[in-house]
Each structure stands twice: as structure tokens, then as C-alpha cells.
N, C-alpha and C. Protein backbone atom coordinates (compact mmCIF):
# COMPACT_ATOMS: atom_id res chain seq x y z
N MET A 1 0.93 -1.28 0.00
CA MET A 1 -0.07 0.08 0.07
C MET A 1 1.00 1.48 0.13
N ALA A 2 0.41 2.08 -0.71
CA ALA A 2 1.21 3.62 -0.84
C ALA A 2 1.28 4.45 0.40
N HIS A 3 2.35 4.91 0.86
CA HIS A 3 2.61 5.86 1.95
C HIS A 3 1.61 6.93 1.56
N ILE A 4 0.99 7.55 2.45
CA ILE A 4 0.09 8.84 2.48
C ILE A 4 0.46 9.46 3.32
N PRO A 5 0.98 10.95 3.17
CA PRO A 5 2.03 12.16 3.54
C PRO A 5 0.71 12.20 5.00
N ALA A 6 1.12 12.45 6.21
CA ALA A 6 0.06 12.78 7.22
C ALA A 6 -0.25 13.97 6.65
N ALA A 7 -0.36 14.99 6.33
CA ALA A 7 -1.01 15.84 6.19
C ALA A 7 -2.19 15.76 5.13
N GLU A 8 -1.94 14.94 4.08
CA GLU A 8 -2.95 14.41 3.20
C GLU A 8 -4.23 12.95 4.12
N ARG A 9 -3.30 12.50 4.63
CA ARG A 9 -4.44 11.65 5.39
C ARG A 9 -5.27 12.70 6.41
N ARG A 10 -4.34 13.55 7.14
CA ARG A 10 -5.48 14.65 8.07
C ARG A 10 -6.67 14.90 7.18
N ARG A 11 -6.49 15.60 6.01
CA ARG A 11 -7.10 16.00 5.21
C ARG A 11 -8.34 15.30 4.80
N GLN A 12 -8.25 13.89 4.82
CA GLN A 12 -8.61 12.90 4.15
C GLN A 12 -9.84 12.52 4.94
N VAL A 13 -9.24 12.50 6.71
CA VAL A 13 -10.30 11.96 7.90
C VAL A 13 -11.31 13.28 7.24
N ILE A 14 -10.18 14.63 7.83
CA ILE A 14 -11.48 15.52 7.86
C ILE A 14 -12.81 15.65 6.58
N GLU A 15 -12.12 15.69 5.38
CA GLU A 15 -13.24 15.86 4.76
C GLU A 15 -14.33 14.30 4.28
N ALA A 16 -13.42 12.96 4.65
CA ALA A 16 -14.95 12.06 5.60
C ALA A 16 -15.55 12.04 6.42
N ALA A 17 -14.90 13.20 7.50
CA ALA A 17 -16.24 13.66 8.86
C ALA A 17 -17.10 14.32 8.43
N ALA A 18 -16.45 15.49 7.59
CA ALA A 18 -17.89 16.79 7.37
C ALA A 18 -19.25 16.12 6.35
N ARG A 19 -18.03 14.79 5.18
CA ARG A 19 -19.41 14.20 4.69
C ARG A 19 -20.32 13.41 5.42
N VAL A 20 -19.84 12.34 7.06
CA VAL A 20 -20.60 11.71 7.59
C VAL A 20 -21.73 12.80 8.55
N ILE A 21 -20.66 14.14 9.19
CA ILE A 21 -21.80 14.87 9.66
C ILE A 21 -22.83 15.50 8.95
N GLY A 22 -22.54 15.51 7.50
CA GLY A 22 -23.41 16.44 6.45
C GLY A 22 -24.70 15.60 6.28
N ARG A 23 -24.00 14.31 6.33
CA ARG A 23 -25.29 13.31 5.68
C ARG A 23 -26.43 12.97 7.18
N GLU A 24 -25.61 12.68 7.95
CA GLU A 24 -26.22 11.91 9.46
C GLU A 24 -26.31 12.58 11.09
N GLY A 25 -25.50 14.23 11.07
CA GLY A 25 -25.32 15.08 12.07
C GLY A 25 -24.24 14.73 12.90
N VAL A 26 -24.05 15.65 13.73
CA VAL A 26 -22.93 15.59 15.07
C VAL A 26 -22.93 14.22 15.79
N ALA A 27 -24.37 14.22 16.25
CA ALA A 27 -24.47 13.08 17.00
C ALA A 27 -24.23 11.57 16.26
N LYS A 28 -24.43 11.15 15.66
CA LYS A 28 -24.37 9.94 14.99
C LYS A 28 -23.15 10.17 14.34
N ALA A 29 -21.83 10.91 14.03
CA ALA A 29 -20.58 10.79 13.40
C ALA A 29 -19.43 10.20 14.20
N THR A 30 -19.70 8.65 14.73
CA THR A 30 -18.93 8.10 15.50
C THR A 30 -17.64 7.93 14.31
N THR A 31 -16.69 7.95 15.47
CA THR A 31 -15.36 7.65 15.18
C THR A 31 -15.10 6.02 13.86
N ARG A 32 -16.18 5.28 14.09
CA ARG A 32 -16.30 4.03 13.35
C ARG A 32 -17.13 4.89 12.07
N ARG A 33 -18.15 5.29 12.04
CA ARG A 33 -18.77 5.75 11.19
C ARG A 33 -17.49 6.80 10.27
N ILE A 34 -17.05 7.76 10.57
CA ILE A 34 -15.93 8.42 10.14
C ILE A 34 -14.65 8.02 9.64
N GLY A 35 -14.05 6.63 10.19
CA GLY A 35 -13.19 5.89 9.87
C GLY A 35 -13.74 5.37 8.37
N ILE A 36 -14.88 4.17 8.39
CA ILE A 36 -15.50 3.71 7.47
C ILE A 36 -15.43 5.04 6.31
N GLU A 37 -15.57 6.02 6.40
CA GLU A 37 -15.56 6.90 5.12
C GLU A 37 -14.40 7.23 4.73
N ALA A 38 -13.34 7.08 5.66
CA ALA A 38 -11.89 7.92 5.18
C ALA A 38 -11.29 6.49 4.59
N ASN A 39 -11.80 5.15 4.99
CA ASN A 39 -10.89 4.13 4.53
C ASN A 39 -9.79 4.14 5.23
N ALA A 40 -10.30 4.63 6.65
CA ALA A 40 -8.85 4.23 7.84
C ALA A 40 -9.61 4.07 8.97
N ASN A 41 -8.84 3.08 9.67
CA ASN A 41 -8.58 2.66 11.08
C ASN A 41 -8.90 3.27 12.26
N ILE A 42 -9.54 3.13 13.15
CA ILE A 42 -9.88 3.75 14.59
C ILE A 42 -8.28 4.17 14.97
N GLY A 43 -7.46 3.30 15.08
CA GLY A 43 -6.18 3.53 15.60
C GLY A 43 -5.52 4.74 14.84
N THR A 44 -5.61 5.07 13.35
CA THR A 44 -4.88 6.37 12.81
C THR A 44 -5.89 7.53 13.12
N LEU A 45 -7.03 7.29 12.86
CA LEU A 45 -8.05 8.82 13.55
C LEU A 45 -7.61 9.05 14.29
N HIS A 46 -7.45 8.23 15.93
CA HIS A 46 -6.87 8.80 17.27
C HIS A 46 -5.51 9.28 17.11
N TYR A 47 -4.59 8.37 16.19
CA TYR A 47 -3.08 9.02 16.29
C TYR A 47 -3.18 9.97 15.43
N THR A 48 -3.96 10.50 14.84
CA THR A 48 -3.81 11.79 14.11
C THR A 48 -4.45 12.85 14.62
N PHE A 49 -5.45 12.52 15.56
CA PHE A 49 -6.70 13.61 16.12
C PHE A 49 -6.52 13.55 17.65
N GLY A 50 -5.90 12.57 18.27
CA GLY A 50 -6.39 12.62 19.44
C GLY A 50 -7.28 12.03 20.48
N SER A 51 -8.61 12.38 19.71
CA SER A 51 -10.37 12.21 20.60
C SER A 51 -11.06 12.78 19.08
N LYS A 52 -12.50 12.53 19.83
CA LYS A 52 -13.62 12.90 18.52
C LYS A 52 -13.22 14.24 18.46
N GLU A 53 -13.42 14.92 19.57
CA GLU A 53 -13.36 15.90 19.72
C GLU A 53 -12.59 17.21 18.55
N ASP A 54 -11.17 16.35 19.00
CA ASP A 54 -10.02 16.92 18.42
C ASP A 54 -10.61 17.39 17.20
N LEU A 55 -11.38 15.96 16.31
CA LEU A 55 -11.82 15.95 15.09
C LEU A 55 -12.47 16.68 14.72
N LEU A 56 -13.57 16.63 15.61
CA LEU A 56 -14.71 17.68 15.06
C LEU A 56 -14.26 18.95 14.87
N ASP A 57 -13.65 19.78 16.18
CA ASP A 57 -12.95 20.84 15.98
C ASP A 57 -12.01 20.83 15.08
N ALA A 58 -11.34 20.46 14.40
CA ALA A 58 -10.14 20.29 13.04
C ALA A 58 -11.71 20.74 11.84
N THR A 59 -12.44 19.62 11.83
CA THR A 59 -13.20 19.69 10.72
C THR A 59 -14.61 21.40 10.71
N PHE A 60 -14.80 21.96 11.58
CA PHE A 60 -15.33 23.00 11.53
C PHE A 60 -14.49 23.97 10.89
N ALA A 61 -12.97 23.97 11.70
CA ALA A 61 -12.33 25.23 11.00
C ALA A 61 -11.96 24.42 9.75
N TYR A 62 -11.87 23.33 9.37
CA TYR A 62 -11.78 23.59 7.50
C TYR A 62 -12.96 23.74 6.89
N CYS A 63 -14.40 23.33 7.54
CA CYS A 63 -15.33 24.13 6.73
C CYS A 63 -15.25 25.87 6.52
N TRP A 64 -14.76 26.06 7.35
CA TRP A 64 -14.94 27.35 7.35
C TRP A 64 -13.62 27.89 6.93
N ASP A 65 -12.57 27.16 6.40
CA ASP A 65 -11.20 27.89 5.78
C ASP A 65 -11.79 27.88 4.18
N VAL A 66 -12.90 26.73 4.30
CA VAL A 66 -13.44 26.68 2.53
C VAL A 66 -14.32 28.30 2.23
N ALA A 67 -14.53 28.47 3.12
CA ALA A 67 -15.54 29.55 3.09
C ALA A 67 -14.38 30.95 2.73
N SER A 68 -13.76 30.96 3.51
CA SER A 68 -12.52 31.71 3.34
C SER A 68 -11.65 31.95 1.97
N GLU A 69 -11.58 30.75 1.40
CA GLU A 69 -11.08 30.27 0.10
C GLU A 69 -11.88 30.99 -1.51
N ILE A 70 -13.03 30.46 -1.19
CA ILE A 70 -14.02 31.31 -1.40
C ILE A 70 -14.22 32.64 -1.76
N ILE A 71 -14.18 33.31 -0.65
CA ILE A 71 -14.14 34.68 -0.85
C ILE A 71 -13.49 35.43 -1.45
N ASP A 72 -11.68 34.40 -0.71
CA ASP A 72 -10.54 35.32 -1.61
C ASP A 72 -10.55 34.77 -2.93
N ALA A 73 -11.38 33.87 -3.54
CA ALA A 73 -11.00 33.24 -4.93
C ALA A 73 -12.14 34.43 -5.55
N ALA A 74 -13.35 34.80 -4.71
CA ALA A 74 -14.69 35.39 -5.42
C ALA A 74 -13.92 37.07 -5.56
N VAL A 75 -12.75 37.45 -5.01
CA VAL A 75 -12.35 39.22 -4.80
C VAL A 75 -11.28 39.13 -6.03
N ALA A 76 -11.02 38.24 -5.90
CA ALA A 76 -9.97 37.82 -7.48
C ALA A 76 -10.57 37.95 -8.53
N ALA A 77 -11.81 37.04 -8.83
CA ALA A 77 -11.94 37.49 -10.26
C ALA A 77 -13.43 38.35 -10.55
N GLY A 78 -13.65 39.15 -8.95
CA GLY A 78 -15.24 40.35 -9.31
C GLY A 78 -14.58 41.25 -10.06
N ALA A 79 -15.34 41.31 -10.76
CA ALA A 79 -15.77 43.24 -11.45
C ALA A 79 -16.08 44.74 -10.95
N GLY A 80 -15.12 44.91 -10.26
CA GLY A 80 -15.97 46.06 -8.55
C GLY A 80 -17.00 45.39 -7.64
N PRO A 81 -17.28 46.49 -6.76
CA PRO A 81 -18.09 45.76 -5.97
C PRO A 81 -19.16 44.68 -6.13
N ASN A 82 -19.94 45.09 -7.42
CA ASN A 82 -21.48 43.99 -7.63
C ASN A 82 -20.22 43.08 -8.09
N GLY A 83 -19.68 42.94 -8.74
CA GLY A 83 -19.19 41.75 -9.70
C GLY A 83 -18.23 40.61 -8.34
N THR A 84 -17.82 41.62 -7.13
CA THR A 84 -17.17 40.23 -6.28
C THR A 84 -18.01 40.19 -5.32
N ALA A 85 -19.58 40.64 -4.80
CA ALA A 85 -20.90 40.04 -4.35
C ALA A 85 -21.28 38.68 -5.25
N ARG A 86 -21.31 39.48 -6.72
CA ARG A 86 -21.94 38.21 -7.51
C ARG A 86 -20.95 36.89 -7.39
N GLU A 87 -20.22 37.23 -7.15
CA GLU A 87 -18.91 36.51 -7.39
C GLU A 87 -19.20 35.31 -5.84
N MET A 88 -19.21 36.47 -5.35
CA MET A 88 -19.33 35.36 -3.74
C MET A 88 -20.39 34.53 -3.41
N LEU A 89 -21.37 35.25 -3.95
CA LEU A 89 -22.74 34.22 -3.85
C LEU A 89 -22.94 32.99 -5.03
N THR A 90 -22.63 33.27 -6.30
CA THR A 90 -22.41 31.82 -7.19
C THR A 90 -21.58 31.11 -6.83
N ARG A 91 -20.36 31.09 -6.25
CA ARG A 91 -19.23 30.43 -6.09
C ARG A 91 -19.83 29.40 -5.04
N TYR A 92 -20.32 30.05 -3.81
CA TYR A 92 -20.92 29.38 -2.51
C TYR A 92 -21.74 28.50 -3.24
N VAL A 93 -22.45 29.13 -4.06
CA VAL A 93 -23.72 28.37 -4.06
C VAL A 93 -23.46 27.33 -5.25
N GLU A 94 -22.43 27.53 -5.70
CA GLU A 94 -21.87 25.86 -6.53
C GLU A 94 -21.28 25.13 -6.14
N LEU A 95 -20.37 25.27 -5.09
CA LEU A 95 -19.83 24.46 -3.43
C LEU A 95 -21.50 23.62 -2.88
N ALA A 96 -22.13 24.28 -2.58
CA ALA A 96 -23.32 23.80 -2.26
C ALA A 96 -24.25 22.39 -3.07
N ILE A 97 -24.25 22.61 -4.07
CA ILE A 97 -24.69 21.78 -5.35
C ILE A 97 -23.61 20.96 -5.79
N ALA A 98 -22.33 21.09 -5.39
CA ALA A 98 -21.26 20.19 -5.72
C ALA A 98 -21.16 19.10 -4.63
N ASP A 99 -21.00 19.98 -3.11
CA ASP A 99 -20.61 19.23 -1.93
C ASP A 99 -21.93 19.74 -1.19
N PRO A 100 -23.06 19.20 -1.34
CA PRO A 100 -24.21 19.79 0.00
C PRO A 100 -23.65 19.00 1.16
N ASP A 101 -23.20 17.63 1.21
CA ASP A 101 -22.74 17.46 2.88
C ASP A 101 -21.79 18.99 3.24
N LEU A 102 -20.83 19.56 3.06
CA LEU A 102 -20.19 20.04 3.14
C LEU A 102 -20.82 21.60 4.11
N ILE A 103 -21.95 21.46 3.05
CA ILE A 103 -22.41 23.10 3.31
C ILE A 103 -23.10 22.22 4.63
N ALA A 104 -23.84 21.38 4.67
CA ALA A 104 -24.83 20.68 5.64
C ALA A 104 -23.75 20.76 6.84
N ALA A 105 -22.28 20.52 7.01
CA ALA A 105 -21.69 19.97 7.65
C ALA A 105 -21.61 21.20 8.64
N GLN A 106 -21.51 22.48 7.87
CA GLN A 106 -21.13 23.58 8.54
C GLN A 106 -21.96 23.84 9.17
N TYR A 107 -23.36 23.80 8.94
CA TYR A 107 -24.30 24.56 9.67
C TYR A 107 -24.71 23.12 10.98
N GLN A 108 -24.25 22.66 11.02
CA GLN A 108 -24.35 21.39 11.98
C GLN A 108 -23.32 21.64 12.92
N LEU A 109 -22.24 22.07 12.74
CA LEU A 109 -20.86 22.23 13.63
C LEU A 109 -20.85 23.45 13.98
N LEU A 110 -21.45 24.06 13.11
CA LEU A 110 -22.21 25.85 13.85
C LEU A 110 -22.66 25.60 14.91
N GLN A 111 -23.74 24.71 15.15
CA GLN A 111 -25.04 24.70 16.27
C GLN A 111 -24.27 23.87 17.39
N ARG A 112 -23.69 23.06 16.81
CA ARG A 112 -22.68 22.42 18.32
C ARG A 112 -22.04 23.39 18.49
N ALA A 113 -20.85 24.22 18.04
CA ALA A 113 -20.17 25.58 18.52
C ALA A 113 -21.05 26.60 19.29
N ILE A 114 -22.26 26.84 19.00
CA ILE A 114 -23.10 27.31 19.80
C ILE A 114 -23.68 27.03 20.99
N VAL A 115 -23.67 25.97 21.13
CA VAL A 115 -24.49 25.63 22.33
C VAL A 115 -23.93 25.19 23.75
N ASP A 116 -22.68 25.02 23.10
CA ASP A 116 -20.97 24.48 23.67
C ASP A 116 -20.56 25.90 24.67
N GLU A 117 -20.56 26.01 25.90
CA GLU A 117 -20.43 27.42 26.27
C GLU A 117 -18.94 27.33 26.04
N THR A 118 -17.84 26.10 25.58
CA THR A 118 -16.58 25.72 25.77
C THR A 118 -16.26 26.55 24.17
N ARG A 119 -16.83 26.58 23.51
CA ARG A 119 -16.63 26.76 22.06
C ARG A 119 -17.50 27.94 21.74
N ARG A 120 -18.31 28.39 22.34
CA ARG A 120 -19.16 29.93 21.53
C ARG A 120 -18.49 30.23 21.03
N ASP A 121 -17.41 31.70 22.15
CA ASP A 121 -16.45 31.63 21.44
C ASP A 121 -16.30 32.05 19.81
N GLY A 122 -16.09 30.15 20.01
CA GLY A 122 -15.34 30.28 18.51
C GLY A 122 -15.65 30.50 17.41
N ALA A 123 -17.53 29.63 17.68
CA ALA A 123 -18.15 31.13 16.67
C ALA A 123 -18.33 31.70 16.25
N VAL A 124 -18.47 33.00 17.39
CA VAL A 124 -18.40 34.18 17.14
C VAL A 124 -17.74 34.38 16.56
N SER A 125 -16.06 34.29 16.96
CA SER A 125 -15.12 34.56 15.77
C SER A 125 -14.84 34.10 14.44
N VAL A 126 -15.56 32.80 13.83
CA VAL A 126 -15.80 32.71 12.97
C VAL A 126 -17.08 33.32 11.94
N MET A 127 -17.87 33.69 12.94
CA MET A 127 -18.22 34.57 12.20
C MET A 127 -17.73 35.81 12.01
N GLN A 128 -17.40 36.97 13.00
CA GLN A 128 -16.96 37.26 12.81
C GLN A 128 -15.81 38.00 11.50
N GLN A 129 -14.75 36.83 11.49
CA GLN A 129 -13.67 36.95 10.70
C GLN A 129 -14.25 36.73 9.26
N LEU A 130 -15.45 35.81 8.89
CA LEU A 130 -16.37 35.64 7.69
C LEU A 130 -16.39 37.21 7.39
N ASP A 131 -17.47 38.41 7.90
CA ASP A 131 -17.66 39.11 8.24
C ASP A 131 -16.45 40.28 7.39
N GLU A 132 -15.24 39.83 8.21
CA GLU A 132 -14.40 40.81 7.94
C GLU A 132 -13.69 40.53 6.62
N LEU A 133 -13.56 39.12 6.15
CA LEU A 133 -13.13 38.76 4.58
C LEU A 133 -14.11 39.41 3.96
N VAL A 134 -15.53 39.51 4.03
CA VAL A 134 -16.35 39.74 2.80
C VAL A 134 -16.05 41.28 2.65
N GLU A 135 -15.95 41.66 3.87
CA GLU A 135 -15.92 43.71 4.15
C GLU A 135 -14.73 44.12 3.55
N GLN A 136 -13.37 43.01 3.48
CA GLN A 136 -12.00 43.11 3.05
C GLN A 136 -12.37 42.96 1.64
N GLY A 137 -13.00 41.94 1.47
CA GLY A 137 -13.64 41.84 -0.60
C GLY A 137 -14.23 43.02 -1.04
N LEU A 138 -15.34 43.75 -0.26
CA LEU A 138 -15.34 44.91 -0.78
C LEU A 138 -14.73 46.19 -0.54
N GLN A 139 -13.65 46.09 0.21
CA GLN A 139 -13.04 47.35 -0.02
C GLN A 139 -11.87 47.44 -0.71
N ARG A 140 -11.68 45.49 -1.39
CA ARG A 140 -10.32 45.71 -2.02
C ARG A 140 -11.06 46.34 -3.22
N ALA A 141 -12.32 45.82 -3.49
CA ALA A 141 -12.99 46.04 -5.24
C ALA A 141 -13.22 48.02 -5.88
N GLU A 142 -12.72 47.71 -6.67
CA GLU A 142 -12.48 49.50 -7.42
C GLU A 142 -13.80 49.97 -7.01
N TRP A 143 -14.56 50.49 -6.51
CA TRP A 143 -16.10 51.59 -6.00
C TRP A 143 -15.60 52.87 -7.12
N ALA A 144 -16.70 52.66 -7.98
CA ALA A 144 -16.87 53.71 -8.68
C ALA A 144 -16.77 55.53 -8.01
N GLU A 145 -18.07 55.12 -6.56
CA GLU A 145 -18.10 56.02 -5.85
C GLU A 145 -18.52 55.60 -4.63
N GLU A 146 -17.91 55.75 -3.66
CA GLU A 146 -17.87 55.59 -2.19
C GLU A 146 -19.42 55.05 -1.46
N PRO A 147 -19.50 54.09 -1.29
CA PRO A 147 -21.64 53.98 -0.90
C PRO A 147 -21.52 54.71 0.40
N SER A 148 -22.75 54.65 0.89
CA SER A 148 -23.56 55.27 2.14
C SER A 148 -23.45 54.72 2.69
N VAL A 149 -23.60 53.32 3.10
CA VAL A 149 -23.46 52.13 4.17
C VAL A 149 -22.33 52.43 4.27
N PRO A 150 -21.59 51.29 5.70
CA PRO A 150 -20.15 51.13 5.24
C PRO A 150 -20.29 49.74 4.96
N HIS A 151 -19.14 49.36 4.90
CA HIS A 151 -18.41 48.15 4.05
C HIS A 151 -18.74 47.47 4.95
N LYS A 152 -18.52 47.75 6.20
CA LYS A 152 -18.85 46.44 7.18
C LYS A 152 -20.62 45.56 7.24
N ARG A 153 -21.60 47.03 7.51
CA ARG A 153 -22.55 46.86 7.42
C ARG A 153 -23.27 45.95 6.04
N PHE A 154 -22.72 46.58 4.48
CA PHE A 154 -22.86 45.45 3.13
C PHE A 154 -22.62 44.41 3.64
N ALA A 155 -21.40 43.43 4.08
CA ALA A 155 -20.90 43.00 4.11
C ALA A 155 -21.49 41.73 5.03
N ARG A 156 -22.21 42.34 6.37
CA ARG A 156 -22.98 41.51 7.24
C ARG A 156 -24.44 40.89 6.68
N ILE A 157 -25.17 42.25 5.63
CA ILE A 157 -26.38 42.04 4.87
C ILE A 157 -25.81 40.89 4.02
N ILE A 158 -24.91 40.75 3.00
CA ILE A 158 -24.24 39.72 2.04
C ILE A 158 -24.16 38.24 2.35
N GLY A 159 -23.37 38.26 3.73
CA GLY A 159 -23.42 36.76 4.34
C GLY A 159 -24.49 36.80 4.67
N SER A 160 -25.90 37.46 5.59
CA SER A 160 -26.98 37.16 5.60
C SER A 160 -27.73 36.17 4.25
N VAL A 161 -27.82 36.85 3.53
CA VAL A 161 -28.48 36.63 2.53
C VAL A 161 -28.20 35.27 2.53
N LEU A 162 -26.62 34.99 1.99
CA LEU A 162 -26.27 33.72 1.82
C LEU A 162 -26.60 32.73 2.03
N ASP A 163 -26.41 32.83 3.94
CA ASP A 163 -27.12 32.06 5.23
C ASP A 163 -28.02 31.36 4.87
N GLY A 164 -29.08 32.41 4.30
CA GLY A 164 -30.53 32.43 4.33
C GLY A 164 -30.91 31.43 3.03
N ILE A 165 -30.27 31.59 2.27
CA ILE A 165 -30.50 30.46 1.03
C ILE A 165 -30.07 29.58 1.28
N LEU A 166 -28.66 29.81 1.33
CA LEU A 166 -28.31 28.13 1.97
C LEU A 166 -29.05 26.87 2.41
N LEU A 167 -29.06 27.94 3.71
CA LEU A 167 -29.50 26.40 5.07
C LEU A 167 -31.06 25.85 4.32
N ARG A 168 -31.71 26.66 3.44
CA ARG A 168 -32.64 26.39 3.40
C ARG A 168 -32.81 25.36 2.03
N PHE A 169 -31.79 25.64 1.17
CA PHE A 169 -31.00 23.80 0.53
C PHE A 169 -30.79 22.92 1.07
N VAL A 170 -29.77 23.18 2.58
CA VAL A 170 -29.43 22.29 3.68
C VAL A 170 -30.92 21.42 3.72
N VAL A 171 -32.33 21.97 4.15
CA VAL A 171 -33.67 21.68 4.54
C VAL A 171 -33.51 20.66 2.50
N VAL A 172 -33.83 21.55 2.18
CA VAL A 172 -34.96 20.93 1.35
C VAL A 172 -34.30 20.19 0.05
N ARG A 173 -32.82 20.73 -0.09
CA ARG A 173 -31.65 20.10 -1.32
C ARG A 173 -32.52 19.78 -2.66
N SER A 174 -33.22 21.20 -2.56
CA SER A 174 -33.44 21.59 -4.25
C SER A 174 -32.62 22.18 -4.85
N GLN A 175 -31.79 21.91 -5.84
CA GLN A 175 -31.02 22.35 -6.61
C GLN A 175 -31.59 23.71 -7.45
N GLU A 176 -32.56 23.18 -8.13
CA GLU A 176 -33.20 23.85 -8.96
C GLU A 176 -33.50 25.39 -8.21
N GLU A 177 -34.31 25.28 -6.91
CA GLU A 177 -34.88 26.00 -5.79
C GLU A 177 -33.58 27.31 -5.14
N LEU A 178 -32.33 26.33 -5.20
CA LEU A 178 -31.53 26.87 -5.26
C LEU A 178 -30.56 27.89 -5.90
N ARG A 179 -30.83 27.05 -7.31
CA ARG A 179 -30.16 27.92 -8.57
C ARG A 179 -31.79 29.65 -8.54
N ALA A 180 -32.64 29.44 -8.40
CA ALA A 180 -33.87 30.39 -8.52
C ALA A 180 -33.37 31.90 -7.62
N ASP A 181 -33.14 31.27 -6.34
CA ASP A 181 -32.71 31.98 -5.33
C ASP A 181 -31.78 32.70 -5.67
N LEU A 182 -30.32 31.95 -5.82
CA LEU A 182 -29.30 33.08 -5.83
C LEU A 182 -30.15 33.97 -7.19
N ALA A 183 -30.39 33.56 -8.55
CA ALA A 183 -30.73 34.35 -9.01
C ALA A 183 -31.15 35.73 -8.44
N THR A 184 -32.42 35.68 -7.59
CA THR A 184 -32.99 36.78 -6.48
C THR A 184 -32.00 37.56 -5.76
N ALA A 185 -30.91 36.85 -5.36
CA ALA A 185 -30.13 36.80 -4.24
C ALA A 185 -29.30 37.80 -5.19
N ILE A 186 -28.72 37.47 -6.06
CA ILE A 186 -27.89 38.57 -7.24
C ILE A 186 -28.53 40.19 -7.40
N GLU A 187 -30.15 39.59 -7.81
CA GLU A 187 -31.11 40.74 -7.78
C GLU A 187 -31.10 42.10 -6.98
N PHE A 188 -31.22 41.31 -5.71
CA PHE A 188 -31.22 41.72 -4.58
C PHE A 188 -30.05 42.59 -4.02
N VAL A 189 -29.29 42.11 -4.37
CA VAL A 189 -27.49 42.43 -4.19
C VAL A 189 -27.83 43.83 -5.14
N ASP A 190 -27.47 43.54 -6.50
CA ASP A 190 -27.25 44.76 -7.61
C ASP A 190 -28.17 45.80 -7.53
N ALA A 191 -29.78 45.52 -6.80
CA ALA A 191 -30.46 46.38 -6.50
C ALA A 191 -29.58 47.41 -5.00
N ALA A 192 -29.59 46.56 -4.54
CA ALA A 192 -28.79 47.13 -2.63
C ALA A 192 -27.49 48.07 -3.13
N PHE A 193 -27.18 47.67 -3.57
CA PHE A 193 -25.42 48.59 -4.32
C PHE A 193 -25.90 49.47 -5.08
N ALA A 194 -26.85 49.76 -6.44
CA ALA A 194 -27.21 51.08 -6.82
C ALA A 194 -27.96 51.86 -5.94
N GLY A 195 -28.13 51.60 -4.89
CA GLY A 195 -29.39 52.58 -3.70
C GLY A 195 -28.04 52.83 -2.44
N VAL A 196 -27.32 52.85 -2.78
CA VAL A 196 -26.56 53.00 -1.42
C VAL A 196 -25.29 53.30 -1.87
N VAL A 197 -25.03 53.36 -3.23
CA VAL A 197 -23.91 54.32 -4.07
C VAL A 197 -24.40 56.06 -3.70
N THR A 198 -22.74 56.20 -3.48
CA THR A 198 -23.72 58.25 -2.97
C THR A 198 -23.25 58.85 -4.48
N THR A 199 -24.61 59.77 -4.67
CA THR A 199 -24.50 60.44 -5.72
C THR A 199 -23.73 61.65 -5.89
N PRO A 200 -23.59 62.35 -6.44
CA PRO A 200 -22.95 63.65 -6.17
C PRO A 200 -24.11 64.79 -6.12
């Protein structure tokens, strides 16, 4: 059997954990089920992560690292603030369609962090970091005119719109409705940009 580098094996286990959590929930994501999904034995899981809680925390971090990567890619691809916002929404929806279990895992693990006092600060920190990433993306975009609404508030609204349509998708799993909701969300965001740009 070919040797798998530790970093690659770690990522494989985390991705497997996200799939199991997305399909079955945190409570049913046992190390045994994750091991089967990752084609790894229990000893490998415990050697790599120490405990199930460590694995869940690593999976939580991974899910939101993916979000950060999407935002960075959207900024690089977007043309101006409107284009950047559209790219963020579109790329995240494309991810949800390609990997719905990952999106479901994000929300499952976020809920775990919210209700656990020892992890709640981490949940708040994740939301703040995502807001800041979107805000920085808007700030880096080339504005023809400065908006009358602060970038920070705009970033929170864009994030909330995205969360709303993704959470609904996690529940109903309709790609058709998700694509329709994306189109409407883009229309709303375009209208919002048009309404908040300062006019001479």
C-alpha cells in the first residue's frame, strides 16, 4: 500500500468527517463511521487527532477555511463591488450543489459550537472573521463612488442573504430552487448596491 503523507491523510479524514456529519449529524458521526468513510482504522484517527472532539473541531475549522478560500477567489475574479458580491454568492452556491454535505456540516458544527459554552466564542469568532473577509473583499473592489452604507454593514447583509438561501437548501435539497434563489439574491444585491452608492 502506498504511503500517504500525514497532511494528506489528515485532510482525507476531515473531509470524510464533514461528509458523515452532513449526512447523519454530529451525534451519529462516530469515529467508526468516519473511519469507514475515510478508509482509515480507528487507531489512525486517534493517532492523527487525539480524540473525536479534536477531529470535530478540526472539521469545523476546515469548513470555514473553505469559506475563506471562496471569498478570496471571488475578490480575485470579481469586477468591482457588484461583481465581487455576485462571485461570492455564485461560488458558494456552486459549492453547495457540488458538495451539499459540506454545507450541511458547516451548519451542524456551527450549531454544536453555539450550544457549547466552551466553543461559543469560537463560533462568534468564525462569524466575525467571515464578516471581515467579505468586508475586506468589498474594500478591495474598485468602487466608482463610495457607498453611503459602511462596508462592514454591507458585508453582514451579503453574508446573511447567503446564509438564508444555503440553510434552506440544506433542508429541502432542491438545486432548482437554490439556483432560482441565487438569481433573486443577485438581483437584490445589485439593487442594494445601486441604492447605497453616494451620488454627486
